Amino acid sequence: MKPFIYNIEVAGMCNLRCPSCPVGNTKATDLQEPRPKGLMQPSLFYKILEKIQRDHPHSAETLVRLYSWGEPLLHPELAAFVSAINAAGLRSGISTNLNITRPLDRIIEANPYQITISLSGMYQDAYGKTHLGGQIERVKQNMIRISELINKTGSSTRVVVGYHVYRHNAGRDFTAAKEFSKELGFHFHPYLAWLCPLEKLLEYLDGLPLLQDRALIDLLVVDPREHWQLAQQHAAATADCGLRSHGMTIGVDGAIELCSAVYDPSYNVASDFLTISHSEIQERRYESAMCARCMSKKAHLMLCVEWGGYLELVNLANKVLTGLGLDTQLVAGVDDCSVCSLS
């Protein structure tokens, strides 16, 4: 049975403005309600953690990830949060763009179960396009530092390099990232970049041109509409969505967001995680009109690899990469991947 995954947005802000992320591609005027920003208060975090323990009293597999759309390393109490999750007998996870200069020693000493490094290139010309505002040399130095700290402390932290594959970074950058990850002892996990948030994806699938996102869409290996057409052919194979059946996202203010793919707070299912039962939260999510819209279009199949057409998607992507004159070929197997096995 898959573990239940909580995404807790401890930092409602980010230092980068990536074009494939709503922090970078969504304006305040695009939202029906303003999205809360700032840092989660430690007192609120610890209360949330206590409730998660109560809701999952016998599941050491429960994963508590300290991020959603924001950059968790911006929170000065991150190491303490990791320690608290571990002390509660749960698994702790961090995903970071690793552009922060904050010292990493306390975080590694806290021994998070997993750290995922978001990467989209190994040379600045490619990396800077899709991690807008980021500096790849800083990321590389921080990756080396993490490897050194893990070796020094004997930490059991698993480090995953989540490599976002686009048309522009699937050649020399891909190869360099794979080799660099291997040298450091990190798990290299390439996956196709996609258009998000879900609200924007659904608009595009409905036929809207999304002219403001055209440059990003042109960088994607597979156009979302082609991806969606593949999903329709395998719709019957996956009746539910793992983002709701085995996951939950809690905002920086403690509100319960519809799922980890939705950005607009107007779709939140409750304003306070602490005052509502797990079963009622799930009932509200399954009754959500936005959830029904996504499921009716089978768009949920585009948000994971656990559907029958994933192999076909990878094969399609590989044909595109070959057509671009690249030797890079993606692999569909995910059984040994520490990302896919927990997502």
C-alpha atoms as a PDB file:
ATOM      1  CA  MET A   1       0.000   0.000   0.000  1.00  0.00           C
ATOM      2  CA  LYS A   2       1.307   3.439  -0.907  1.00  0.00           C
ATOM      3  CA  PRO A   3       2.174   5.781   1.966  1.00  0.00           C
ATOM      4  CA  PHE A   4       0.135   8.893   2.593  1.00  0.00           C
ATOM      5  CA  ILE A   5       2.016  12.065   1.658  1.00  0.00           C
ATOM      6  CA  TYR A   6       1.561  15.488   3.225  1.00  0.00           C
ATOM      7  CA  ASN A   7       2.948  18.574   1.523  1.00  0.00           C
ATOM      8  CA  ILE A   8       3.280  21.391   4.044  1.00  0.00           C
ATOM      9  CA  GLU A   9       4.067  24.798   2.567  1.00  0.00           C
ATOM     10  CA  VAL A  10       6.450  26.103   5.231  1.00  0.00           C
ATOM     11  CA  ALA A  11       7.593  28.958   2.970  1.00  0.00           C
ATOM     12  CA  GLY A  12       4.894  30.648   0.926  1.00  0.00           C
ATOM     13  CA  MET A  13       7.417  32.297  -1.363  1.00  0.00           C
ATOM     14  CA  CYS A  14      10.316  31.465  -3.644  1.00  0.00           C
ATOM     15  CA  ASN A  15      13.595  33.071  -4.650  1.00  0.00           C
ATOM     16  CA  LEU A  16      13.177  32.079  -8.332  1.00  0.00           C
ATOM     17  CA  ARG A  17      10.526  32.697 -10.991  1.00  0.00           C
ATOM     18  CA  CYS A  18      10.503  29.540 -13.081  1.00  0.00           C
ATOM     19  CA  PRO A  19       8.191  29.753 -16.130  1.00  0.00           C
ATOM     20  CA  SER A  20       6.744  26.257 -15.608  1.00  0.00           C
ATOM     21  CA  CYS A  21       5.778  27.020 -11.981  1.00  0.00           C
ATOM     22  CA  PRO A  22       2.801  29.180 -10.957  1.00  0.00           C
ATOM     23  CA  VAL A  23       5.085  31.293  -8.768  1.00  0.00           C
ATOM     24  CA  GLY A  24       6.690  32.408 -12.008  1.00  0.00           C
ATOM     25  CA  ASN A  25       3.818  32.197 -14.501  1.00  0.00           C
ATOM     26  CA  THR A  26       0.784  33.321 -12.491  1.00  0.00           C
ATOM     27  CA  LYS A  27       0.009  36.942 -11.641  1.00  0.00           C
ATOM     28  CA  ALA A  28      -2.009  37.989  -8.601  1.00  0.00           C
ATOM     29  CA  THR A  29      -4.750  39.172 -10.960  1.00  0.00           C
ATOM     30  CA  ASP A  30      -5.049  35.633 -12.347  1.00  0.00           C
ATOM     31  CA  LEU A  31      -6.240  34.360  -8.957  1.00  0.00           C
ATOM     32  CA  GLN A  32      -9.785  34.500  -7.642  1.00  0.00           C
ATOM     33  CA  GLU A  33      -8.381  34.830  -4.111  1.00  0.00           C
ATOM     34  CA  PRO A  34      -4.955  36.125  -2.996  1.00  0.00           C
ATOM     35  CA  ARG A  35      -2.456  33.425  -2.156  1.00  0.00           C
ATOM     36  CA  PRO A  36      -0.954  33.729   1.369  1.00  0.00           C
ATOM     37  CA  LYS A  37       2.768  34.410   1.515  1.00  0.00           C
ATOM     38  CA  GLY A  38       5.471  34.526   4.164  1.00  0.00           C
ATOM     39  CA  LEU A  39       6.762  31.812   6.479  1.00  0.00           C
ATOM     40  CA  MET A  40       4.733  29.307   8.489  1.00  0.00           C
ATOM     41  CA  GLN A  41       4.792  30.038  12.191  1.00  0.00           C
ATOM     42  CA  PRO A  42       6.628  27.260  14.088  1.00  0.00           C
ATOM     43  CA  SER A  43       3.768  26.976  16.575  1.00  0.00           C
ATOM     44  CA  LEU A  44       1.358  26.241  13.723  1.00  0.00           C
ATOM     45  CA  PHE A  45       3.712  23.708  12.164  1.00  0.00           C
ATOM     46  CA  TYR A  46       4.081  21.713  15.376  1.00  0.00           C
ATOM     47  CA  LYS A  47       0.306  21.616  15.882  1.00  0.00           C
ATOM     48  CA  ILE A  48      -0.125  20.379  12.316  1.00  0.00           C
ATOM     49  CA  LEU A  49       2.488  17.695  12.900  1.00  0.00           C
ATOM     50  CA  GLU A  50       0.717  16.536  16.069  1.00  0.00           C
ATOM     51  CA  LYS A  51      -2.559  16.190  14.160  1.00  0.00           C
ATOM     52  CA  ILE A  52      -0.858  14.214  11.383  1.00  0.00           C
ATOM     53  CA  GLN A  53       0.409  11.836  14.063  1.00  0.00           C
ATOM     54  CA  ARG A  54      -3.117  11.439  15.411  1.00  0.00           C
ATOM     55  CA  ASP A  55      -4.570  10.887  11.944  1.00  0.00           C
ATOM     56  CA  HIS A  56      -1.907   8.261  11.075  1.00  0.00           C
ATOM     57  CA  PRO A  57      -0.952   6.721  14.431  1.00  0.00           C
ATOM     58  CA  HIS A  58       0.544   3.485  13.120  1.00  0.00           C
ATOM     59  CA  SER A  59       2.100   4.463   9.807  1.00  0.00           C
ATOM     60  CA  ALA A  60       5.845   5.034   9.870  1.00  0.00           C
ATOM     61  CA  GLU A  61       5.654   5.222   6.075  1.00  0.00           C
ATOM     62  CA  THR A  62       3.738   8.509   6.189  1.00  0.00           C
ATOM     63  CA  LEU A  63       5.798  11.133   4.400  1.00  0.00           C
ATOM     64  CA  VAL A  64       5.770  14.792   5.467  1.00  0.00           C
ATOM     65  CA  ARG A  65       7.276  16.983   2.772  1.00  0.00           C
ATOM     66  CA  LEU A  66       8.110  20.558   3.727  1.00  0.00           C
ATOM     67  CA  TYR A  67       7.218  22.223   0.459  1.00  0.00           C
ATOM     68  CA  SER A  68       4.582  22.800  -2.166  1.00  0.00           C
ATOM     69  CA  TRP A  69       5.257  25.713  -4.545  1.00  0.00           C
ATOM     70  CA  GLY A  70       7.625  27.628  -2.243  1.00  0.00           C
ATOM     71  CA  GLU A  71      11.323  27.232  -1.438  1.00  0.00           C
ATOM     72  CA  PRO A  72      11.660  25.540   1.983  1.00  0.00           C
ATOM     73  CA  LEU A  73      15.275  26.581   2.538  1.00  0.00           C
ATOM     74  CA  LEU A  74      13.987  30.127   3.038  1.00  0.00           C
ATOM     75  CA  HIS A  75      12.583  29.053   6.418  1.00  0.00           C
ATOM     76  CA  PRO A  76      15.179  29.480   9.209  1.00  0.00           C
ATOM     77  CA  GLU A  77      13.546  26.702  11.277  1.00  0.00           C
ATOM     78  CA  LEU A  78      13.672  24.084   8.534  1.00  0.00           C
ATOM     79  CA  ALA A  79      16.224  21.867  10.284  1.00  0.00           C
ATOM     80  CA  ALA A  80      14.150  21.916  13.471  1.00  0.00           C
ATOM     81  CA  PHE A  81      11.053  20.940  11.483  1.00  0.00           C
ATOM     82  CA  VAL A  82      12.905  17.983   9.950  1.00  0.00           C
ATOM     83  CA  SER A  83      14.058  16.845  13.380  1.00  0.00           C
ATOM     84  CA  ALA A  84      10.514  17.041  14.721  1.00  0.00           C
ATOM     85  CA  ILE A  85       9.147  14.936  11.851  1.00  0.00           C
ATOM     86  CA  ASN A  86      11.821  12.307  12.416  1.00  0.00           C
ATOM     87  CA  ALA A  87      11.159  12.308  16.164  1.00  0.00           C
ATOM     88  CA  ALA A  88       7.476  11.702  15.422  1.00  0.00           C
ATOM     89  CA  GLY A  89       8.433   8.507  13.602  1.00  0.00           C
ATOM     90  CA  LEU A  90       7.463   9.864  10.187  1.00  0.00           C
ATOM     91  CA  ARG A  91       9.499  10.411   7.024  1.00  0.00           C
ATOM     92  CA  SER A  92      10.670  13.924   6.203  1.00  0.00           C
ATOM     93  CA  GLY A  93      11.196  15.334   2.725  1.00  0.00           C
ATOM     94  CA  ILE A  94      12.551  18.540   1.202  1.00  0.00           C
ATOM     95  CA  SER A  95      12.562  19.761  -2.404  1.00  0.00           C
ATOM     96  CA  THR A  96      14.769  22.724  -3.200  1.00  0.00           C
ATOM     97  CA  ASN A  97      16.191  24.710  -6.105  1.00  0.00           C
ATOM     98  CA  LEU A  98      19.370  24.892  -3.987  1.00  0.00           C
ATOM     99  CA  ASN A  99      20.144  28.488  -4.874  1.00  0.00           C
ATOM    100  CA  ILE A 100      20.001  29.542  -1.219  1.00  0.00           C
ATOM    101  CA  THR A 101      23.296  30.387   0.453  1.00  0.00           C
ATOM    102  CA  ARG A 102      21.963  29.474   3.893  1.00  0.00           C
ATOM    103  CA  PRO A 103      24.321  27.005   5.656  1.00  0.00           C
ATOM    104  CA  LEU A 104      23.369  23.418   4.892  1.00  0.00           C
ATOM    105  CA  ASP A 105      25.085  21.701   7.814  1.00  0.00           C
ATOM    106  CA  ARG A 106      22.136  21.925  10.236  1.00  0.00           C
ATOM    107  CA  ILE A 107      19.769  20.527   7.638  1.00  0.00           C
ATOM    108  CA  ILE A 108      21.965  17.503   6.863  1.00  0.00           C
ATOM    109  CA  GLU A 109      22.618  16.938  10.559  1.00  0.00           C
ATOM    110  CA  ALA A 110      18.840  16.817  11.050  1.00  0.00           C
ATOM    111  CA  ASN A 111      18.915  13.876   8.624  1.00  0.00           C
ATOM    112  CA  PRO A 112      15.873  14.354   6.370  1.00  0.00           C
ATOM    113  CA  TYR A 113      14.651  11.126   4.813  1.00  0.00           C
ATOM    114  CA  GLN A 114      14.949  12.603   1.335  1.00  0.00           C
ATOM    115  CA  ILE A 115      16.155  15.768  -0.372  1.00  0.00           C
ATOM    116  CA  THR A 116      15.094  16.415  -3.951  1.00  0.00           C
ATOM    117  CA  ILE A 117      17.098  18.950  -5.943  1.00  0.00           C
ATOM    118  CA  SER A 118      15.135  20.648  -8.721  1.00  0.00           C
ATOM    119  CA  LEU A 119      17.398  21.012 -11.756  1.00  0.00           C
ATOM    120  CA  SER A 120      16.968  21.953 -15.419  1.00  0.00           C
ATOM    121  CA  GLY A 121      20.489  22.253 -16.772  1.00  0.00           C
ATOM    122  CA  MET A 122      24.175  22.186 -15.936  1.00  0.00           C
ATOM    123  CA  TYR A 123      25.225  25.239 -17.931  1.00  0.00           C
ATOM    124  CA  GLN A 124      23.872  28.703 -17.245  1.00  0.00           C
ATOM    125  CA  ASP A 125      22.478  29.354 -20.722  1.00  0.00           C
ATOM    126  CA  ALA A 126      20.103  26.390 -20.441  1.00  0.00           C
ATOM    127  CA  TYR A 127      19.525  26.440 -16.689  1.00  0.00           C
ATOM    128  CA  GLY A 128      18.690  30.147 -16.607  1.00  0.00           C
ATOM    129  CA  LYS A 129      15.812  29.710 -19.056  1.00  0.00           C
ATOM    130  CA  THR A 130      13.791  27.366 -16.890  1.00  0.00           C
ATOM    131  CA  HIS A 131      15.116  28.188 -13.425  1.00  0.00           C
ATOM    132  CA  LEU A 132      14.732  31.904 -13.971  1.00  0.00           C
ATOM    133  CA  GLY A 133      16.912  33.905 -11.613  1.00  0.00           C
ATOM    134  CA  GLY A 134      18.973  30.881 -10.588  1.00  0.00           C
ATOM    135  CA  GLN A 135      22.745  30.463 -10.727  1.00  0.00           C
ATOM    136  CA  ILE A 136      23.887  26.983 -11.708  1.00  0.00           C
ATOM    137  CA  GLU A 137      27.405  27.339 -10.295  1.00  0.00           C
ATOM    138  CA  ARG A 138      25.946  28.074  -6.876  1.00  0.00           C
ATOM    139  CA  VAL A 139      23.743  24.989  -7.207  1.00  0.00           C
ATOM    140  CA  LYS A 140      26.716  22.811  -8.136  1.00  0.00           C
ATOM    141  CA  GLN A 141      28.730  24.042  -5.151  1.00  0.00           C
ATOM    142  CA  ASN A 142      25.788  23.366  -2.837  1.00  0.00           C
ATOM    143  CA  MET A 143      25.382  19.872  -4.298  1.00  0.00           C
ATOM    144  CA  ILE A 144      29.039  19.155  -3.586  1.00  0.00           C
ATOM    145  CA  ARG A 145      28.613  20.548  -0.077  1.00  0.00           C
ATOM    146  CA  ILE A 146      25.619  18.275   0.594  1.00  0.00           C
ATOM    147  CA  SER A 147      27.575  15.239  -0.564  1.00  0.00           C
ATOM    148  CA  GLU A 148      30.488  16.183   1.697  1.00  0.00           C
ATOM    149  CA  LEU A 149      28.221  16.729   4.687  1.00  0.00           C
ATOM    150  CA  ILE A 150      26.456  13.398   4.181  1.00  0.00           C
ATOM    151  CA  ASN A 151      29.802  11.599   4.062  1.00  0.00           C
ATOM    152  CA  LYS A 152      31.071  13.518   7.085  1.00  0.00           C
ATOM    153  CA  THR A 153      28.020  13.000   9.292  1.00  0.00           C
ATOM    154  CA  GLY A 154      27.050   9.519   8.147  1.00  0.00           C
ATOM    155  CA  SER A 155      23.598  10.853   7.295  1.00  0.00           C
ATOM    156  CA  SER A 156      21.163   8.374   5.738  1.00  0.00           C
ATOM    157  CA  THR A 157      19.507  11.112   3.669  1.00  0.00           C
ATOM    158  CA  ARG A 158      18.648  10.058   0.127  1.00  0.00           C
ATOM    159  CA  VAL A 159      19.382  12.784  -2.403  1.00  0.00           C
ATOM    160  CA  VAL A 160      17.459  12.812  -5.663  1.00  0.00           C
ATOM    161  CA  VAL A 161      18.285  15.073  -8.589  1.00  0.00           C
ATOM    162  CA  GLY A 162      14.903  15.782 -10.156  1.00  0.00           C
ATOM    163  CA  TYR A 163      15.903  16.759 -13.674  1.00  0.00           C
ATOM    164  CA  HIS A 164      13.198  18.606 -15.626  1.00  0.00           C
ATOM    165  CA  VAL A 165      13.598  17.509 -19.240  1.00  0.00           C
ATOM    166  CA  TYR A 166      12.888  20.137 -21.913  1.00  0.00           C
ATOM    167  CA  ARG A 167      13.888  20.345 -25.555  1.00  0.00           C
ATOM    168  CA  HIS A 168      16.689  22.802 -24.799  1.00  0.00           C
ATOM    169  CA  ASN A 169      18.381  20.832 -21.978  1.00  0.00           C
ATOM    170  CA  ALA A 170      18.131  17.210 -23.138  1.00  0.00           C
ATOM    171  CA  GLY A 171      21.595  17.062 -24.714  1.00  0.00           C
ATOM    172  CA  ARG A 172      24.896  18.002 -23.099  1.00  0.00           C
ATOM    173  CA  ASP A 173      23.175  19.387 -19.983  1.00  0.00           C
ATOM    174  CA  PHE A 174      21.328  16.110 -19.429  1.00  0.00           C
ATOM    175  CA  THR A 175      24.523  14.074 -19.794  1.00  0.00           C
ATOM    176  CA  ALA A 176      26.491  16.393 -17.514  1.00  0.00           C
ATOM    177  CA  ALA A 177      23.769  16.342 -14.840  1.00  0.00           C
ATOM    178  CA  LYS A 178      23.603  12.552 -14.917  1.00  0.00           C
ATOM    179  CA  GLU A 179      27.381  12.186 -14.598  1.00  0.00           C
ATOM    180  CA  PHE A 180      27.642  14.826 -11.868  1.00  0.00           C
ATOM    181  CA  SER A 181      24.865  13.162  -9.864  1.00  0.00           C
ATOM    182  CA  LYS A 182      26.616   9.792 -10.124  1.00  0.00           C
ATOM    183  CA  GLU A 183      29.911  11.298  -8.932  1.00  0.00           C
ATOM    184  CA  LEU A 184      28.191  12.688  -5.843  1.00  0.00           C
ATOM    185  CA  GLY A 185      26.280   9.490  -5.098  1.00  0.00           C
ATOM    186  CA  PHE A 186      22.885  11.072  -5.851  1.00  0.00           C
ATOM    187  CA  HIS A 187      19.975   9.380  -7.594  1.00  0.00           C
ATOM    188  CA  PHE A 188      19.404  10.958 -11.005  1.00  0.00           C
ATOM    189  CA  HIS A 189      15.708  11.119 -11.864  1.00  0.00           C
ATOM    190  CA  PRO A 190      14.854  12.753 -15.196  1.00  0.00           C
ATOM    191  CA  TYR A 191      11.205  13.436 -15.974  1.00  0.00           C
ATOM    192  CA  LEU A 192       9.299  15.415 -18.556  1.00  0.00           C
ATOM    193  CA  ALA A 193       8.593  18.990 -17.557  1.00  0.00           C
ATOM    194  CA  TRP A 194       4.923  19.916 -17.727  1.00  0.00           C
ATOM    195  CA  LEU A 195       2.642  22.936 -17.730  1.00  0.00           C
ATOM    196  CA  CYS A 196       1.286  23.905 -14.328  1.00  0.00           C
ATOM    197  CA  PRO A 197      -0.672  24.746 -12.272  1.00  0.00           C
ATOM    198  CA  LEU A 198      -3.644  22.512 -13.037  1.00  0.00           C
ATOM    199  CA  GLU A 199      -5.870  25.543 -13.687  1.00  0.00           C
ATOM    200  CA  LYS A 200      -3.596  26.644 -16.523  1.00  0.00           C
ATOM    201  CA  LEU A 201      -3.246  23.111 -17.887  1.00  0.00           C
ATOM    202  CA  LEU A 202      -7.019  22.649 -18.054  1.00  0.00           C
ATOM    203  CA  GLU A 203      -7.411  25.973 -19.875  1.00  0.00           C
ATOM    204  CA  TYR A 204      -4.898  24.832 -22.481  1.00  0.00           C
ATOM    205  CA  LEU A 205      -6.631  21.470 -22.879  1.00  0.00           C
ATOM    206  CA  ASP A 206      -9.908  23.370 -23.387  1.00  0.00           C
ATOM    207  CA  GLY A 207      -8.347  25.071 -26.398  1.00  0.00           C
ATOM    208  CA  LEU A 208      -7.193  28.403 -24.999  1.00  0.00           C
ATOM    209  CA  PRO A 209      -3.948  29.521 -26.663  1.00  0.00           C
ATOM    210  CA  LEU A 210      -2.196  30.691 -23.463  1.00  0.00           C
ATOM    211  CA  LEU A 211      -0.108  33.117 -25.487  1.00  0.00           C
ATOM    212  CA  GLN A 212       1.703  34.307 -22.361  1.00  0.00           C
ATOM    213  CA  ASP A 213       2.996  30.743 -21.867  1.00  0.00           C
ATOM    214  CA  ARG A 214       3.787  29.984 -25.503  1.00  0.00           C
ATOM    215  CA  ALA A 215       7.564  30.192 -25.040  1.00  0.00           C
ATOM    216  CA  LEU A 216       7.386  27.606 -22.251  1.00  0.00           C
ATOM    217  CA  ILE A 217       5.026  25.285 -24.138  1.00  0.00           C
ATOM    218  CA  ASP A 218       7.386  25.342 -27.111  1.00  0.00           C
ATOM    219  CA  LEU A 219      10.188  24.126 -24.830  1.00  0.00           C
ATOM    220  CA  LEU A 220       8.222  21.087 -23.635  1.00  0.00           C
ATOM    221  CA  VAL A 221       9.272  17.810 -25.226  1.00  0.00           C
ATOM    222  CA  VAL A 222       5.661  16.704 -25.656  1.00  0.00           C
ATOM    223  CA  ASP A 223       2.876  19.234 -26.109  1.00  0.00           C
ATOM    224  CA  PRO A 224       0.331  18.881 -23.257  1.00  0.00           C
ATOM    225  CA  ARG A 225      -2.449  18.251 -25.760  1.00  0.00           C
ATOM    226  CA  GLU A 226      -0.574  15.281 -27.225  1.00  0.00           C
ATOM    227  CA  HIS A 227       0.086  14.011 -23.696  1.00  0.00           C
ATOM    228  CA  TRP A 228      -3.626  14.387 -22.940  1.00  0.00           C
ATOM    229  CA  GLN A 229      -4.660  12.462 -26.039  1.00  0.00           C
ATOM    230  CA  LEU A 230      -2.541   9.532 -24.858  1.00  0.00           C
ATOM    231  CA  ALA A 231      -4.169   9.754 -21.441  1.00  0.00           C
ATOM    232  CA  GLN A 232      -7.651   9.420 -22.968  1.00  0.00           C
ATOM    233  CA  GLN A 233      -6.717   6.062 -24.456  1.00  0.00           C
ATOM    234  CA  HIS A 234      -5.952   4.658 -20.998  1.00  0.00           C
ATOM    235  CA  ALA A 235      -8.592   6.438 -18.951  1.00  0.00           C
ATOM    236  CA  ALA A 236     -10.360   3.308 -17.757  1.00  0.00           C
ATOM    237  CA  ALA A 237      -7.190   1.876 -16.225  1.00  0.00           C
ATOM    238  CA  THR A 238      -6.937   4.461 -13.455  1.00  0.00           C
ATOM    239  CA  ALA A 239     -10.183   5.258 -11.678  1.00  0.00           C
ATOM    240  CA  ASP A 240      -8.775   7.484  -8.942  1.00  0.00           C
ATOM    241  CA  CYS A 241      -6.101  10.151  -8.574  1.00  0.00           C
ATOM    242  CA  GLY A 242      -3.156   9.536  -6.271  1.00  0.00           C
ATOM    243  CA  LEU A 243      -2.875  13.231  -5.478  1.00  0.00           C
ATOM    244  CA  ARG A 244      -6.138  13.012  -3.547  1.00  0.00           C
ATOM    245  CA  SER A 245      -6.280   9.352  -2.466  1.00  0.00           C
ATOM    246  CA  HIS A 246      -2.762   9.318  -1.006  1.00  0.00           C
ATOM    247  CA  GLY A 247      -1.805  12.959  -0.623  1.00  0.00           C
ATOM    248  CA  MET A 248      -2.776  16.258   0.975  1.00  0.00           C
ATOM    249  CA  THR A 249      -1.399  19.795   0.748  1.00  0.00           C
ATOM    250  CA  ILE A 250      -1.475  22.264   3.631  1.00  0.00           C
ATOM    251  CA  GLY A 251      -0.848  25.945   2.920  1.00  0.00           C
ATOM    252  CA  VAL A 252       1.458  28.292   4.778  1.00  0.00           C
ATOM    253  CA  ASP A 253      -1.588  29.582   6.695  1.00  0.00           C
ATOM    254  CA  GLY A 254      -2.768  26.099   7.675  1.00  0.00           C
ATOM    255  CA  ALA A 255      -5.532  25.926   5.053  1.00  0.00           C
ATOM    256  CA  ILE A 256      -6.152  22.695   3.149  1.00  0.00           C
ATOM    257  CA  GLU A 257      -5.558  23.088  -0.551  1.00  0.00           C
ATOM    258  CA  LEU A 258      -7.468  20.975  -3.055  1.00  0.00           C
ATOM    259  CA  CYS A 259      -4.328  19.157  -4.189  1.00  0.00           C
ATOM    260  CA  SER A 260      -0.656  19.715  -4.884  1.00  0.00           C
ATOM    261  CA  ALA A 261      -1.347  20.639  -8.532  1.00  0.00           C
ATOM    262  CA  VAL A 262      -3.816  23.475  -7.819  1.00  0.00           C
ATOM    263  CA  TYR A 263      -2.571  26.987  -7.023  1.00  0.00           C
ATOM    264  CA  ASP A 264      -5.603  29.259  -6.577  1.00  0.00           C
ATOM    265  CA  PRO A 265      -6.726  29.400  -2.897  1.00  0.00           C
ATOM    266  CA  SER A 266     -10.337  29.768  -4.037  1.00  0.00           C
ATOM    267  CA  TYR A 267     -10.321  25.981  -4.505  1.00  0.00           C
ATOM    268  CA  ASN A 268      -9.243  25.282  -0.904  1.00  0.00           C
ATOM    269  CA  VAL A 269     -11.484  22.772   0.857  1.00  0.00           C
ATOM    270  CA  ALA A 270     -11.053  24.125   4.409  1.00  0.00           C
ATOM    271  CA  SER A 271      -9.407  27.090   6.091  1.00  0.00           C
ATOM    272  CA  ASP A 272      -7.913  25.232   9.052  1.00  0.00           C
ATOM    273  CA  PHE A 273      -6.361  21.768   8.976  1.00  0.00           C
ATOM    274  CA  LEU A 274      -6.421  21.619  12.768  1.00  0.00           C
ATOM    275  CA  THR A 275     -10.198  21.759  13.152  1.00  0.00           C
ATOM    276  CA  ILE A 276     -11.407  19.182  10.659  1.00  0.00           C
ATOM    277  CA  SER A 277     -11.111  15.404  10.578  1.00  0.00           C
ATOM    278  CA  HIS A 278      -9.124  13.521   7.969  1.00  0.00           C
ATOM    279  CA  SER A 279     -12.228  11.770   6.668  1.00  0.00           C
ATOM    280  CA  GLU A 280     -14.174  15.021   6.263  1.00  0.00           C
ATOM    281  CA  ILE A 281     -11.253  16.638   4.434  1.00  0.00           C
ATOM    282  CA  GLN A 282     -11.212  13.751   1.989  1.00  0.00           C
ATOM    283  CA  GLU A 283     -14.980  13.876   1.517  1.00  0.00           C
ATOM    284  CA  ARG A 284     -14.790  17.569   0.642  1.00  0.00           C
ATOM    285  CA  ARG A 285     -11.976  16.994  -1.811  1.00  0.00           C
ATOM    286  CA  TYR A 286     -13.831  14.185  -3.582  1.00  0.00           C
ATOM    287  CA  GLU A 287     -16.898  16.445  -3.835  1.00  0.00           C
ATOM    288  CA  SER A 288     -14.970  19.413  -5.274  1.00  0.00           C
ATOM    289  CA  ALA A 289     -16.199  20.777  -8.613  1.00  0.00           C
ATOM    290  CA  MET A 290     -12.612  21.407  -9.737  1.00  0.00           C
ATOM    291  CA  CYS A 291     -11.677  17.839  -8.865  1.00  0.00           C
ATOM    292  CA  ALA A 292     -14.663  16.590 -10.861  1.00  0.00           C
ATOM    293  CA  ARG A 293     -13.645  18.746 -13.828  1.00  0.00           C
ATOM    294  CA  CYS A 294     -10.087  17.396 -13.781  1.00  0.00           C
ATOM    295  CA  MET A 295     -11.215  13.782 -13.404  1.00  0.00           C
ATOM    296  CA  SER A 296     -13.838  14.080 -16.148  1.00  0.00           C
ATOM    297  CA  LYS A 297     -11.135  15.221 -18.578  1.00  0.00           C
ATOM    298  CA  LYS A 298      -8.795  12.496 -17.250  1.00  0.00           C
ATOM    299  CA  ALA A 299      -6.203  15.220 -16.745  1.00  0.00           C
ATOM    300  CA  HIS A 300      -5.178  13.576 -13.478  1.00  0.00           C
ATOM    301  CA  LEU A 301      -3.427  10.929 -15.541  1.00  0.00           C
ATOM    302  CA  MET A 302      -1.010  13.607 -16.733  1.00  0.00           C
ATOM    303  CA  LEU A 303       0.165  14.313 -13.193  1.00  0.00           C
ATOM    304  CA  CYS A 304       1.762  10.946 -12.441  1.00  0.00           C
ATOM    305  CA  VAL A 305       3.518   7.981 -14.042  1.00  0.00           C
ATOM    306  CA  GLU A 306       1.128   5.353 -12.710  1.00  0.00           C
ATOM    307  CA  TRP A 307      -1.060   4.953 -15.759  1.00  0.00           C
ATOM    308  CA  GLY A 308      -1.051   2.520 -18.628  1.00  0.00           C
ATOM    309  CA  GLY A 309       0.074   5.003 -21.253  1.00  0.00           C
ATOM    310  CA  TYR A 310       3.218   6.216 -19.548  1.00  0.00           C
ATOM    311  CA  LEU A 311       5.425   3.931 -21.642  1.00  0.00           C
ATOM    312  CA  GLU A 312       3.816   5.348 -24.790  1.00  0.00           C
ATOM    313  CA  LEU A 313       4.450   8.885 -23.528  1.00  0.00           C
ATOM    314  CA  VAL A 314       8.121   8.103 -22.960  1.00  0.00           C
ATOM    315  CA  ASN A 315       8.392   6.511 -26.385  1.00  0.00           C
ATOM    316  CA  LEU A 316       6.819   9.592 -27.953  1.00  0.00           C
ATOM    317  CA  ALA A 317       9.232  11.838 -26.071  1.00  0.00           C
ATOM    318  CA  ASN A 318      12.191   9.750 -27.204  1.00  0.00           C
ATOM    319  CA  LYS A 319      11.091  10.076 -30.836  1.00  0.00           C
ATOM    320  CA  VAL A 320      10.994  13.853 -30.407  1.00  0.00           C
ATOM    321  CA  LEU A 321      14.459  13.876 -28.840  1.00  0.00           C
ATOM    322  CA  THR A 322      15.810  11.717 -31.657  1.00  0.00           C
ATOM    323  CA  GLY A 323      14.257  14.110 -34.155  1.00  0.00           C
ATOM    324  CA  LEU A 324      16.138  16.945 -32.468  1.00  0.00           C
ATOM    325  CA  GLY A 325      19.373  15.069 -33.137  1.00  0.00           C
ATOM    326  CA  LEU A 326      19.882  14.073 -29.491  1.00  0.00           C
ATOM    327  CA  ASP A 327      21.128  10.726 -28.190  1.00  0.00           C
ATOM    328  CA  THR A 328      19.270  11.146 -24.893  1.00  0.00           C
ATOM    329  CA  GLN A 329      16.604   8.494 -24.322  1.00  0.00           C
ATOM    330  CA  LEU A 330      14.311   8.434 -21.307  1.00  0.00           C
ATOM    331  CA  VAL A 331      13.457   5.199 -19.518  1.00  0.00           C
ATOM    332  CA  ALA A 332       9.929   4.315 -18.439  1.00  0.00           C
ATOM    333  CA  GLY A 333      10.836   2.036 -15.521  1.00  0.00           C
ATOM    334  CA  VAL A 334      10.258   3.625 -12.112  1.00  0.00           C
ATOM    335  CA  ASP A 335      10.462   0.673  -9.709  1.00  0.00           C
ATOM    336  CA  ASP A 336      13.913   1.692  -8.454  1.00  0.00           C
ATOM    337  CA  CYS A 337      13.172   5.407  -8.330  1.00  0.00           C
ATOM    338  CA  SER A 338      12.915   6.923  -4.856  1.00  0.00           C
ATOM    339  CA  VAL A 339      10.777   9.737  -6.266  1.00  0.00           C
ATOM    340  CA  CYS A 340       8.239   7.671  -8.162  1.00  0.00           C
ATOM    341  CA  SER A 341       7.915   5.090  -5.410  1.00  0.00           C
ATOM    342  CA  LEU A 342       6.817   7.818  -3.001  1.00  0.00           C
ATOM    343  CA  SER A 343       4.757  10.081  -5.240  1.00  0.00           C
END
